[in-house]
C-alpha atoms as a PDB file:
ATOM      1  CA  MET A   1     -35.091 -50.505   0.128  1.00  0.00           C
ATOM      2  CA  LYS A   2     -32.052 -48.830  -1.285  1.00  0.00           C
ATOM      3  CA  LYS A   3     -34.080 -45.754  -1.902  1.00  0.00           C
ATOM      4  CA  ASP A   4     -35.136 -45.619   1.696  1.00  0.00           C
ATOM      5  CA  SER A   5     -31.666 -46.157   2.988  1.00  0.00           C
ATOM      6  CA  GLY A   6     -30.423 -43.433   0.637  1.00  0.00           C
ATOM      7  CA  GLU A   7     -33.034 -41.046   1.883  1.00  0.00           C
ATOM      8  CA  LYS A   8     -32.119 -41.866   5.434  1.00  0.00           C
ATOM      9  CA  GLY A   9     -28.472 -41.223   4.652  1.00  0.00           C
ATOM     10  CA  ASP A  10     -29.336 -37.879   3.120  1.00  0.00           C
ATOM     11  CA  LYS A  11     -31.386 -36.898   6.109  1.00  0.00           C
ATOM     12  CA  SER A  12     -28.621 -37.825   8.562  1.00  0.00           C
ATOM     13  CA  ARG A  13     -26.109 -35.375   7.031  1.00  0.00           C
ATOM     14  CA  PRO A  14     -27.917 -32.129   7.928  1.00  0.00           C
ATOM     15  CA  VAL A  15     -28.292 -33.306  11.499  1.00  0.00           C
ATOM     16  CA  SER A  16     -24.531 -33.703  11.947  1.00  0.00           C
ATOM     17  CA  SER A  17     -23.820 -30.449  10.123  1.00  0.00           C
ATOM     18  CA  LYS A  18     -26.047 -28.587  12.564  1.00  0.00           C
ATOM     19  CA  LEU A  19     -23.308 -28.954  15.229  1.00  0.00           C
ATOM     20  CA  THR A  20     -21.460 -25.673  15.450  1.00  0.00           C
ATOM     21  CA  LYS A  21     -17.696 -25.448  15.553  1.00  0.00           C
ATOM     22  CA  ARG A  22     -17.801 -24.256  19.141  1.00  0.00           C
ATOM     23  CA  GLU A  23     -19.835 -27.318  20.173  1.00  0.00           C
ATOM     24  CA  SER A  24     -17.416 -29.564  18.318  1.00  0.00           C
ATOM     25  CA  SER A  25     -14.376 -28.000  19.977  1.00  0.00           C
ATOM     26  CA  ALA A  26     -16.168 -28.171  23.323  1.00  0.00           C
ATOM     27  CA  LYS A  27     -16.860 -31.872  22.776  1.00  0.00           C
ATOM     28  CA  ILE A  28     -13.223 -32.462  21.857  1.00  0.00           C
ATOM     29  CA  ALA A  29     -12.117 -30.486  24.875  1.00  0.00           C
ATOM     30  CA  ASN A  30     -14.433 -32.491  27.095  1.00  0.00           C
ATOM     31  CA  VAL A  31     -13.165 -35.745  25.659  1.00  0.00           C
ATOM     32  CA  ASN A  32      -9.532 -34.627  26.104  1.00  0.00           C
ATOM     33  CA  THR A  33     -10.238 -33.310  29.539  1.00  0.00           C
ATOM     34  CA  ASN A  34     -12.046 -36.403  30.680  1.00  0.00           C
ATOM     35  CA  GLY A  35      -9.372 -38.552  29.189  1.00  0.00           C
ATOM     36  CA  LEU A  36      -6.184 -36.638  29.980  1.00  0.00           C
ATOM     37  CA  PHE A  37      -6.698 -33.827  32.526  1.00  0.00           C
ATOM     38  CA  SER A  38      -8.109 -33.786  35.971  1.00  0.00           C
ATOM     39  CA  LYS A  39     -10.640 -31.223  37.139  1.00  0.00           C
ATOM     40  CA  SER A  40      -7.996 -29.134  38.926  1.00  0.00           C
ATOM     41  CA  LYS A  41      -5.760 -28.977  35.856  1.00  0.00           C
ATOM     42  CA  GLN A  42      -8.699 -27.986  33.706  1.00  0.00           C
ATOM     43  CA  ASP A  43      -9.511 -25.124  36.095  1.00  0.00           C
ATOM     44  CA  GLN A  44      -5.868 -24.025  36.049  1.00  0.00           C
ATOM     45  CA  ILE A  45      -5.802 -23.999  32.239  1.00  0.00           C
ATOM     46  CA  LEU A  46      -8.995 -21.958  32.107  1.00  0.00           C
ATOM     47  CA  LYS A  47      -7.570 -19.519  34.665  1.00  0.00           C
ATOM     48  CA  ASP A  48      -4.317 -19.137  32.715  1.00  0.00           C
ATOM     49  CA  ASN A  49      -6.282 -18.657  29.530  1.00  0.00           C
ATOM     50  CA  SER A  50      -8.360 -15.857  31.037  1.00  0.00           C
ATOM     51  CA  GLU A  51      -5.216 -14.176  32.401  1.00  0.00           C
ATOM     52  CA  LEU A  52      -3.546 -14.356  28.992  1.00  0.00           C
ATOM     53  CA  GLN A  53      -6.620 -12.878  27.329  1.00  0.00           C
ATOM     54  CA  ALA A  54      -6.626 -10.022  29.838  1.00  0.00           C
ATOM     55  CA  GLU A  55      -2.901  -9.448  29.219  1.00  0.00           C
ATOM     56  CA  VAL A  56      -3.411  -9.436  25.444  1.00  0.00           C
ATOM     57  CA  LYS A  57      -6.206  -6.907  25.853  1.00  0.00           C
ATOM     58  CA  SER A  58      -3.985  -4.717  28.049  1.00  0.00           C
ATOM     59  CA  LEU A  59      -1.086  -4.930  25.580  1.00  0.00           C
ATOM     60  CA  ASN A  60      -3.344  -4.038  22.681  1.00  0.00           C
ATOM     61  CA  SER A  61      -4.602  -1.013  24.586  1.00  0.00           C
ATOM     62  CA  ARG A  62      -1.031   0.002  25.442  1.00  0.00           C
ATOM     63  CA  ASN A  63       0.006  -0.479  21.824  1.00  0.00           C
ATOM     64  CA  LEU A  64      -2.773   1.822  20.629  1.00  0.00           C
ATOM     65  CA  GLU A  65      -1.744   4.441  23.189  1.00  0.00           C
ATOM     66  CA  LEU A  66       1.908   4.300  22.095  1.00  0.00           C
ATOM     67  CA  MET A  67       0.922   4.522  18.434  1.00  0.00           C
ATOM     68  CA  GLU A  68      -1.124   7.632  19.196  1.00  0.00           C
ATOM     69  CA  ARG A  69       1.823   9.194  21.012  1.00  0.00           C
ATOM     70  CA  LEU A  70       4.130   8.308  18.124  1.00  0.00           C
ATOM     71  CA  ARG A  71       1.675   9.881  15.711  1.00  0.00           C
ATOM     72  CA  LEU A  72       1.562  13.129  17.717  1.00  0.00           C
ATOM     73  CA  ILE A  73       5.359  13.342  18.068  1.00  0.00           C
ATOM     74  CA  THR A  74       6.029  12.541  14.415  1.00  0.00           C
ATOM     75  CA  ASN A  75       3.351  14.985  13.308  1.00  0.00           C
ATOM     76  CA  ASP A  76       4.961  17.736  15.420  1.00  0.00           C
ATOM     77  CA  ILE A  77       8.357  16.993  13.843  1.00  0.00           C
ATOM     78  CA  VAL A  78       6.871  17.091  10.348  1.00  0.00           C
ATOM     79  CA  GLU A  79       4.941  20.334  10.909  1.00  0.00           C
ATOM     80  CA  HIS A  80       7.898  22.036  12.587  1.00  0.00           C
ATOM     81  CA  SER A  81      10.243  21.039   9.773  1.00  0.00           C
ATOM     82  CA  LYS A  82       7.764  22.408   7.218  1.00  0.00           C
ATOM     83  CA  SER A  83       7.651  25.735   9.058  1.00  0.00           C
ATOM     84  CA  LYS A  84      11.478  25.820   8.975  1.00  0.00           C
ATOM     85  CA  GLY A  85      11.525  25.411   5.199  1.00  0.00           C
ATOM     86  CA  TYR A  86      12.082  21.689   4.707  1.00  0.00           C
ATOM     87  CA  LYS A  87      10.910  20.584   1.244  1.00  0.00           C
ATOM     88  CA  TYR A  88       9.201  17.201   1.028  1.00  0.00           C
ATOM     89  CA  SER A  89       9.292  15.036  -2.072  1.00  0.00           C
ATOM     90  CA  ALA A  90       6.068  14.266  -3.930  1.00  0.00           C
ATOM     91  CA  SER A  91       6.085  10.657  -2.705  1.00  0.00           C
ATOM     92  CA  ASN A  92       6.131  11.743   0.958  1.00  0.00           C
ATOM     93  CA  GLN A  93       3.522  14.491   0.732  1.00  0.00           C
ATOM     94  CA  ASN A  94       0.368  12.415   1.262  1.00  0.00           C
ATOM     95  CA  ILE A  95       1.858   9.568   3.276  1.00  0.00           C
ATOM     96  CA  ASP A  96       0.667   8.867   6.810  1.00  0.00           C
ATOM     97  CA  VAL A  97       3.135  10.068   9.442  1.00  0.00           C
ATOM     98  CA  LEU A  98       3.262   6.584  10.974  1.00  0.00           C
ATOM     99  CA  ASP A  99       4.406   5.171   7.627  1.00  0.00           C
ATOM    100  CA  LEU A 100       7.396   7.508   7.339  1.00  0.00           C
ATOM    101  CA  PRO A 101      10.696   5.585   7.220  1.00  0.00           C
ATOM    102  CA  ILE A 102      13.075   5.826  10.161  1.00  0.00           C
ATOM    103  CA  GLY A 103      15.697   7.385   7.898  1.00  0.00           C
ATOM    104  CA  LYS A 104      13.321  10.188   6.913  1.00  0.00           C
ATOM    105  CA  ILE A 105      12.479  10.952  10.563  1.00  0.00           C
ATOM    106  CA  SER A 106      16.201  11.033  11.414  1.00  0.00           C
ATOM    107  CA  GLU A 107      16.748  13.406   8.498  1.00  0.00           C
ATOM    108  CA  LEU A 108      14.003  15.714   9.791  1.00  0.00           C
ATOM    109  CA  ILE A 109      15.464  15.732  13.306  1.00  0.00           C
ATOM    110  CA  GLU A 110      18.922  16.485  11.906  1.00  0.00           C
ATOM    111  CA  PHE A 111      17.455  19.317   9.829  1.00  0.00           C
ATOM    112  CA  LEU A 112      15.760  20.825  12.893  1.00  0.00           C
ATOM    113  CA  THR A 113      18.933  20.431  14.956  1.00  0.00           C
ATOM    114  CA  HIS A 114      21.551  21.738  12.538  1.00  0.00           C
ATOM    115  CA  GLY A 115      19.600  23.771   9.985  1.00  0.00           C
ATOM    116  CA  LYS A 116      20.299  24.049   6.267  1.00  0.00           C
ATOM    117  CA  ASP A 117      23.989  24.931   6.534  1.00  0.00           C
ATOM    118  CA  PRO A 118      26.076  21.740   6.311  1.00  0.00           C
ATOM    119  CA  ARG A 119      28.866  23.448   8.236  1.00  0.00           C
ATOM    120  CA  ASN A 120      26.629  23.362  11.309  1.00  0.00           C
ATOM    121  CA  ARG A 121      26.392  19.563  11.214  1.00  0.00           C
ATOM    122  CA  ALA A 122      29.066  19.062  13.842  1.00  0.00           C
ATOM    123  CA  SER A 123      29.171  16.227  16.287  1.00  0.00           C
ATOM    124  CA  ILE A 124      27.622  16.514  19.720  1.00  0.00           C
ATOM    125  CA  GLU A 125      31.081  16.332  21.312  1.00  0.00           C
ATOM    126  CA  THR A 126      32.265  19.344  19.325  1.00  0.00           C
ATOM    127  CA  ARG A 127      29.194  21.371  20.241  1.00  0.00           C
ATOM    128  CA  VAL A 128      29.569  20.504  23.929  1.00  0.00           C
ATOM    129  CA  GLU A 129      33.214  21.479  23.720  1.00  0.00           C
ATOM    130  CA  GLU A 130      32.299  24.817  22.138  1.00  0.00           C
ATOM    131  CA  LEU A 131      29.788  25.398  24.924  1.00  0.00           C
ATOM    132  CA  GLU A 132      32.421  24.639  27.562  1.00  0.00           C
ATOM    133  CA  THR A 133      34.824  27.022  25.839  1.00  0.00           C
ATOM    134  CA  ARG A 134      32.178  29.743  25.811  1.00  0.00           C
ATOM    135  CA  ILE A 135      31.491  29.169  29.519  1.00  0.00           C
ATOM    136  CA  THR A 136      35.221  29.446  30.183  1.00  0.00           C
ATOM    137  CA  HIS A 137      35.297  32.724  28.257  1.00  0.00           C
ATOM    138  CA  LEU A 138      32.397  34.091  30.288  1.00  0.00           C
ATOM    139  CA  ASN A 139      34.051  33.063  33.547  1.00  0.00           C
ATOM    140  CA  MET A 140      37.212  34.840  32.451  1.00  0.00           C
ATOM    141  CA  GLU A 141      35.241  37.971  31.612  1.00  0.00           C
ATOM    142  CA  LEU A 142      33.468  37.798  34.964  1.00  0.00           C
ATOM    143  CA  ALA A 143      36.819  37.625  36.732  1.00  0.00           C
ATOM    144  CA  LYS A 144      38.027  40.628  34.705  1.00  0.00           C
ATOM    145  CA  MET A 145      34.887  42.590  35.571  1.00  0.00           C
ATOM    146  CA  LEU A 146      35.291  41.854  39.278  1.00  0.00           C
ATOM    147  CA  GLU A 147      38.935  42.883  39.118  1.00  0.00           C
ATOM    148  CA  GLN A 148      37.987  46.071  37.284  1.00  0.00           C
ATOM    149  CA  ARG A 149      35.353  46.877  39.891  1.00  0.00           C
ATOM    150  CA  ILE A 150      37.878  46.430  42.710  1.00  0.00           C
ATOM    151  CA  ASN A 151      40.333  48.716  40.897  1.00  0.00           C
ATOM    152  CA  LEU A 152      37.603  51.327  40.481  1.00  0.00           C
ATOM    153  CA  GLU A 153      36.725  51.167  44.175  1.00  0.00           C
ATOM    154  CA  HIS A 154      40.359  51.544  45.199  1.00  0.00           C
ATOM    155  CA  GLY A 155      40.853  54.375  42.704  1.00  0.00           C
ATOM    156  CA  LEU A 156      37.800  56.276  43.930  1.00  0.00           C
ATOM    157  CA  ASP A 157      38.917  55.841  47.535  1.00  0.00           C
ATOM    158  CA  ALA A 158      42.333  57.217  46.610  1.00  0.00           C
ATOM    159  CA  ILE A 159      40.738  60.198  44.834  1.00  0.00           C
ATOM    160  CA  GLN A 160      38.535  60.860  47.844  1.00  0.00           C
ATOM    161  CA  ASN A 161      41.593  60.936  50.119  1.00  0.00           C
ATOM    162  CA  CYS A 162      43.550  63.362  47.929  1.00  0.00           C
ATOM    163  CA  ASN A 163      44.555  66.617  49.624  1.00  0.00           C
ATOM    164  CA  ASN A 164      44.402  68.855  46.555  1.00  0.00           C
ATOM    165  CA  LEU A 165      42.735  69.018  43.165  1.00  0.00           C
ATOM    166  CA  PHE A 166      45.932  68.348  41.203  1.00  0.00           C
ATOM    167  CA  ASP A 167      46.503  64.935  42.844  1.00  0.00           C
ATOM    168  CA  ALA A 168      42.833  64.059  42.425  1.00  0.00           C
ATOM    169  CA  GLN A 169      43.001  64.872  38.694  1.00  0.00           C
ATOM    170  CA  ASN A 170      46.136  62.764  38.234  1.00  0.00           C
ATOM    171  CA  ARG A 171      44.620  59.778  40.022  1.00  0.00           C
ATOM    172  CA  ALA A 172      41.374  60.130  38.071  1.00  0.00           C
ATOM    173  CA  ARG A 173      43.324  60.295  34.786  1.00  0.00           C
ATOM    174  CA  PHE A 174      45.303  57.182  35.733  1.00  0.00           C
ATOM    175  CA  LEU A 175      42.099  55.372  36.712  1.00  0.00           C
ATOM    176  CA  LEU A 176      40.509  56.332  33.382  1.00  0.00           C
ATOM    177  CA  TYR A 177      43.474  55.002  31.386  1.00  0.00           C
ATOM    178  CA  GLU A 178      43.480  51.784  33.382  1.00  0.00           C
ATOM    179  CA  THR A 179      39.746  51.274  32.835  1.00  0.00           C
ATOM    180  CA  LYS A 180      39.946  51.915  29.091  1.00  0.00           C
ATOM    181  CA  GLY A 181      42.899  49.566  28.788  1.00  0.00           C
ATOM    182  CA  SER A 182      40.945  46.501  29.916  1.00  0.00           C
ATOM    183  CA  ARG A 183      38.562  45.365  27.173  1.00  0.00           C
ATOM    184  CA  LEU A 184      35.703  43.022  27.955  1.00  0.00           C
ATOM    185  CA  PHE A 185      33.969  40.344  25.853  1.00  0.00           C
ATOM    186  CA  THR A 186      36.528  40.440  23.047  1.00  0.00           C
ATOM    187  CA  PHE A 187      35.626  36.882  21.981  1.00  0.00           C
ATOM    188  CA  LEU A 188      32.065  38.034  21.197  1.00  0.00           C
ATOM    189  CA  GLU A 189      33.406  40.625  18.771  1.00  0.00           C
ATOM    190  CA  LYS A 190      35.230  37.897  16.881  1.00  0.00           C
ATOM    191  CA  ASP A 191      32.128  35.699  16.744  1.00  0.00           C
ATOM    192  CA  GLN A 192      29.734  38.442  15.640  1.00  0.00           C
ATOM    193  CA  PHE A 193      31.785  40.362  13.105  1.00  0.00           C
ATOM    194  CA  GLY A 194      34.212  37.662  11.992  1.00  0.00           C
ATOM    195  CA  VAL A 195      37.803  38.287  10.913  1.00  0.00           C
ATOM    196  CA  ASN A 196      38.773  40.202   7.822  1.00  0.00           C
ATOM    197  CA  GLU A 197      40.447  37.985   5.202  1.00  0.00           C
ATOM    198  CA  GLU A 198      42.993  40.678   4.427  1.00  0.00           C
ATOM    199  CA  GLU A 199      43.843  40.872   8.123  1.00  0.00           C
ATOM    200  CA  ILE A 200      44.313  37.104   8.237  1.00  0.00           C
ATOM    201  CA  THR A 201      46.634  37.260   5.221  1.00  0.00           C
ATOM    202  CA  ASN A 202      48.663  40.089   6.729  1.00  0.00           C
ATOM    203  CA  ASN A 203      48.938  38.313  10.056  1.00  0.00           C
ATOM    204  CA  HIS A 204      49.984  35.124   8.294  1.00  0.00           C
ATOM    205  CA  ASN A 205      52.676  36.933   6.299  1.00  0.00           C
ATOM    206  CA  THR A 206      53.920  38.731   9.394  1.00  0.00           C
ATOM    207  CA  SER A 207      54.145  35.540  11.423  1.00  0.00           C
ATOM    208  CA  THR A 208      55.950  33.812   8.531  1.00  0.00           C
ATOM    209  CA  THR A 209      58.481  36.618   8.296  1.00  0.00           C
ATOM    210  CA  VAL A 210      59.126  36.592  12.036  1.00  0.00           C
ATOM    211  CA  THR A 211      59.569  32.829  12.066  1.00  0.00           C
ATOM    212  CA  THR A 212      62.015  32.949   9.156  1.00  0.00           C
ATOM    213  CA  SER A 213      64.101  35.725  10.662  1.00  0.00           C
ATOM    214  CA  GLU A 214      64.250  34.110  14.088  1.00  0.00           C
ATOM    215  CA  VAL A 215      65.306  30.580  13.205  1.00  0.00           C
ATOM    216  CA  LYS A 216      68.430  30.594  15.307  1.00  0.00           C
ATOM    217  CA  PRO A 217      66.896  31.931  18.576  1.00  0.00           C
ATOM    218  CA  THR A 218      64.025  29.431  18.251  1.00  0.00           C
ATOM    219  CA  ILE A 219      66.438  26.502  18.099  1.00  0.00           C
ATOM    220  CA  THR A 220      68.272  27.752  21.175  1.00  0.00           C
ATOM    221  CA  HIS A 221      64.979  28.237  22.974  1.00  0.00           C
ATOM    222  CA  THR A 222      63.899  24.698  22.086  1.00  0.00           C
ATOM    223  CA  GLU A 223      67.142  23.208  23.328  1.00  0.00           C
ATOM    224  CA  SER A 224      66.845  25.034  26.649  1.00  0.00           C
ATOM    225  CA  ILE A 225      63.289  23.773  27.156  1.00  0.00           C
ATOM    226  CA  ILE A 226      64.267  20.182  26.315  1.00  0.00           C
ATOM    227  CA  LYS A 227      67.073  20.431  28.846  1.00  0.00           C
ATOM    228  CA  LYS A 228      64.558  21.536  31.493  1.00  0.00           C
ATOM    229  CA  LEU A 229      62.222  18.657  30.644  1.00  0.00           C
ATOM    230  CA  LYS A 230      64.888  16.123  31.598  1.00  0.00           C
ATOM    231  CA  THR A 231      65.065  17.386  35.190  1.00  0.00           C
ATOM    232  CA  LEU A 232      61.330  17.015  35.982  1.00  0.00           C
ATOM    233  CA  ASP A 233      59.900  14.278  38.202  1.00  0.00           C
ATOM    234  CA  LEU A 234      56.648  13.090  36.613  1.00  0.00           C
ATOM    235  CA  THR A 235      55.928  10.105  38.840  1.00  0.00           C
ATOM    236  CA  PRO A 236      52.121   9.806  39.172  1.00  0.00           C
ATOM    237  CA  PRO A 237      50.621   9.534  42.671  1.00  0.00           C
ATOM    238  CA  ILE A 238      49.328   6.203  43.978  1.00  0.00           C
ATOM    239  CA  ASN A 239      45.769   7.542  44.142  1.00  0.00           C
ATOM    240  CA  LYS A 240      44.654   9.954  41.445  1.00  0.00           C
ATOM    241  CA  LEU A 241      43.637  13.425  42.575  1.00  0.00           C
ATOM    242  CA  PRO A 242      40.146  14.872  41.857  1.00  0.00           C
ATOM    243  CA  GLY A 243      39.580  16.292  38.395  1.00  0.00           C
ATOM    244  CA  GLU A 244      37.952  19.405  39.882  1.00  0.00           C
ATOM    245  CA  THR A 245      41.298  20.480  41.348  1.00  0.00           C
ATOM    246  CA  HIS A 246      42.035  24.086  40.370  1.00  0.00           C
ATOM    247  CA  ILE A 247      45.117  24.659  38.239  1.00  0.00           C
ATOM    248  CA  LYS A 248      46.582  26.833  40.993  1.00  0.00           C
ATOM    249  CA  LYS A 249      46.962  23.630  43.042  1.00  0.00           C
ATOM    250  CA  MET A 250      48.414  21.613  40.180  1.00  0.00           C
ATOM    251  CA  ASP A 251      51.451  19.423  40.757  1.00  0.00           C
ATOM    252  CA  LYS A 252      54.446  21.736  40.227  1.00  0.00           C
ATOM    253  CA  ASP A 253      56.480  19.354  38.084  1.00  0.00           C
ATOM    254  CA  LEU A 254      53.436  18.575  35.948  1.00  0.00           C
ATOM    255  CA  GLU A 255      52.712  22.290  35.584  1.00  0.00           C
ATOM    256  CA  GLN A 256      56.291  22.960  34.512  1.00  0.00           C
ATOM    257  CA  TYR A 257      56.078  20.095  32.020  1.00  0.00           C
ATOM    258  CA  ILE A 258      52.887  21.519  30.473  1.00  0.00           C
ATOM    259  CA  VAL A 259      54.361  25.021  30.371  1.00  0.00           C
ATOM    260  CA  ASN A 260      57.528  23.784  28.660  1.00  0.00           C
ATOM    261  CA  GLU A 261      55.679  21.670  26.104  1.00  0.00           C
ATOM    262  CA  LEU A 262      53.104  24.272  25.056  1.00  0.00           C
ATOM    263  CA  SER A 263      55.666  27.087  25.002  1.00  0.00           C
ATOM    264  CA  LEU A 264      57.279  25.409  21.978  1.00  0.00           C
ATOM    265  CA  CYS A 265      55.831  27.114  18.890  1.00  0.00           C
ATOM    266  CA  LYS A 266      54.380  24.733  16.290  1.00  0.00           C
ATOM    267  CA  GLY A 267      53.710  25.344  12.639  1.00  0.00           C
ATOM    268  CA  ASN A 268      50.005  24.535  12.914  1.00  0.00           C
ATOM    269  CA  GLY A 269      49.587  26.916  15.870  1.00  0.00           C
ATOM    270  CA  ALA A 270      48.555  24.154  18.301  1.00  0.00           C
ATOM    271  CA  ASP A 271      50.587  25.615  21.138  1.00  0.00           C
ATOM    272  CA  TRP A 272      50.220  28.320  23.775  1.00  0.00           C
ATOM    273  CA  ARG A 273      48.648  30.677  21.228  1.00  0.00           C
ATOM    274  CA  MET A 274      45.748  28.326  20.480  1.00  0.00           C
ATOM    275  CA  PHE A 275      45.325  27.576  24.185  1.00  0.00           C
ATOM    276  CA  ALA A 276      45.205  31.305  24.980  1.00  0.00           C
ATOM    277  CA  GLU A 277      42.507  31.794  22.353  1.00  0.00           C
ATOM    278  CA  ARG A 278      40.439  28.908  23.737  1.00  0.00           C
ATOM    279  CA  VAL A 279      40.469  30.215  27.314  1.00  0.00           C
ATOM    280  CA  GLY A 280      39.394  33.706  26.272  1.00  0.00           C
ATOM    281  CA  ILE A 281      42.627  35.696  26.322  1.00  0.00           C
ATOM    282  CA  SER A 282      42.330  38.556  23.838  1.00  0.00           C
ATOM    283  CA  SER A 283      44.395  38.566  20.651  1.00  0.00           C
ATOM    284  CA  GLU A 284      45.919  41.924  21.636  1.00  0.00           C
ATOM    285  CA  ILE A 285      47.514  40.370  24.717  1.00  0.00           C
ATOM    286  CA  VAL A 286      48.780  37.400  22.678  1.00  0.00           C
ATOM    287  CA  VAL A 287      50.378  39.764  20.141  1.00  0.00           C
ATOM    288  CA  GLN A 288      51.961  41.724  22.975  1.00  0.00           C
ATOM    289  CA  TRP A 289      53.446  38.556  24.482  1.00  0.00           C
ATOM    290  CA  LYS A 290      54.865  37.658  21.066  1.00  0.00           C
ATOM    291  CA  ARG A 291      56.599  41.033  20.889  1.00  0.00           C
ATOM    292  CA  TRP A 292      58.140  40.489  24.297  1.00  0.00           C
ATOM    293  CA  LYS A 293      59.645  37.175  23.067  1.00  0.00           C
ATOM    294  CA  LEU A 294      58.898  35.434  26.338  1.00  0.00           C
ATOM    295  CA  GLU A 295      60.832  32.276  27.075  1.00  0.00           C
ATOM    296  CA  LEU A 296      57.786  30.499  28.578  1.00  0.00           C
ATOM    297  CA  PRO A 297      54.631  32.255  27.329  1.00  0.00           C
ATOM    298  CA  MET A 298      52.430  29.342  28.445  1.00  0.00           C
ATOM    299  CA  LYS A 299      53.246  30.282  32.028  1.00  0.00           C
ATOM    300  CA  TYR A 300      51.576  33.655  31.476  1.00  0.00           C
ATOM    301  CA  VAL A 301      48.589  31.944  29.831  1.00  0.00           C
ATOM    302  CA  LEU A 302      48.040  29.675  32.840  1.00  0.00           C
ATOM    303  CA  GLU A 303      48.542  32.582  35.232  1.00  0.00           C
ATOM    304  CA  THR A 304      45.874  34.627  33.427  1.00  0.00           C
ATOM    305  CA  TRP A 305      43.472  31.702  33.133  1.00  0.00           C
ATOM    306  CA  SER A 306      43.885  30.814  36.818  1.00  0.00           C
ATOM    307  CA  HIS A 307      41.691  33.798  37.769  1.00  0.00           C
ATOM    308  CA  SER A 308      38.692  31.863  36.429  1.00  0.00           C
ATOM    309  CA  PRO A 309      36.946  29.435  38.836  1.00  0.00           C
ATOM    310  CA  ALA A 310      36.370  27.092  35.870  1.00  0.00           C
ATOM    311  CA  ALA A 311      40.110  26.597  35.365  1.00  0.00           C
ATOM    312  CA  THR A 312      40.188  23.015  36.641  1.00  0.00           C
ATOM    313  CA  MET A 313      42.336  20.058  35.662  1.00  0.00           C
ATOM    314  CA  ARG A 314      39.382  18.435  33.928  1.00  0.00           C
ATOM    315  CA  MET A 315      38.831  21.529  31.799  1.00  0.00           C
ATOM    316  CA  LEU A 316      42.577  21.697  31.059  1.00  0.00           C
ATOM    317  CA  HIS A 317      42.452  18.072  29.923  1.00  0.00           C
ATOM    318  CA  ARG A 318      39.469  18.784  27.648  1.00  0.00           C
ATOM    319  CA  HIS A 319      41.265  21.687  26.022  1.00  0.00           C
ATOM    320  CA  LEU A 320      44.290  19.490  25.331  1.00  0.00           C
ATOM    321  CA  VAL A 321      42.244  16.717  23.667  1.00  0.00           C
ATOM    322  CA  SER A 322      40.208  19.190  21.599  1.00  0.00           C
ATOM    323  CA  PRO A 323      40.412  18.945  17.777  1.00  0.00           C
ATOM    324  CA  GLN A 324      42.341  22.225  17.694  1.00  0.00           C
ATOM    325  CA  LEU A 325      45.178  21.200  20.042  1.00  0.00           C
ATOM    326  CA  LYS A 326      45.114  17.364  19.883  1.00  0.00           C
ATOM    327  CA  ASN A 327      47.951  17.034  22.382  1.00  0.00           C
ATOM    328  CA  THR A 328      47.334  13.471  23.540  1.00  0.00           C
ATOM    329  CA  LEU A 329      50.713  13.214  25.266  1.00  0.00           C
ATOM    330  CA  LEU A 330      50.001  16.052  27.689  1.00  0.00           C
ATOM    331  CA  ALA A 331      46.433  14.841  28.156  1.00  0.00           C
ATOM    332  CA  LYS A 332      47.756  11.388  29.084  1.00  0.00           C
ATOM    333  CA  ARG A 333      50.128  12.940  31.623  1.00  0.00           C
ATOM    334  CA  ILE A 334      47.248  14.806  33.248  1.00  0.00           C
ATOM    335  CA  SER A 335      45.055  11.695  33.309  1.00  0.00           C
ATOM    336  CA  ASP A 336      47.876   9.868  35.137  1.00  0.00           C
ATOM    337  CA  PHE A 337      47.699  12.430  37.947  1.00  0.00           C
ATOM    338  CA  TYR A 338      44.008  13.408  38.024  1.00  0.00           C
ATOM    339  CA  LYS A 339      40.583  11.790  37.523  1.00  0.00           C
ATOM    340  CA  VAL A 340      39.622  13.598  34.338  1.00  0.00           C
ATOM    341  CA  ASP A 341      38.012  10.773  32.307  1.00  0.00           C
END
């Protein structure tokens, strides 16, 4: 009897094991559904489940698409950096592009952006500022070219109206001298050919000698400018003026304040001389103004720069906050009057 019951028990086990997991879960679901959920809730759960499965499928497809795009972009960066001479380490040679660390990708982008020379690794702000300075230079040169063309037209008209050959020759000679006297694109010469070190040393020694020999006049000049600063009314307007206002329409007291401040010569050169260089005024003109010993040379700088359409209050503010000038006091004064931020 025991044998039979044992055999029966053995035979009953395979029958229960024949139930698949899906059938078991379905039975449990049916029991739970019949016991806990109504038919409408069961339909809602099935609907939500199908929607979630469709969303998962869509997200997986989107993920694969983004990974493929990332692979293409990273592969382009890697190949381009190799063509530019970037040397990969042995550990990164056979690695999949998708497995490259973020730091390595950033290093490749920086290499492609700045090149091998570490001196080129300037900040974006500095590069934008250099671009704005170059645009200002080009605008200045354009204004000079237009002025030169007008002078040529007037000179040719005057030559055409001459009564005799002698007057025509004199006017032509004067026109030739005037044309040769105005040099164009002087800032490009400095960028392409650089500055001779010996010339820099000589200029430095000359400027040191002049400063030492003119200590007394400089003090008097400083005192006169400080006295003028006390009489200016620098009350900002209730509503700030547009930053695109041209410097010709600048507030007169503010203009006088800027002229007085930047006309004071500083030891680091962050004065009217640096400003003149930044706006594209040639070094020959700056040297000539030094020889004249002008009381307010910054006034001449602004007058020359005002011929450029890019000479706005916003651009003036950017020059003042540049790393070369770093005159935050004047920049703050301008921001009190104009919307330059």
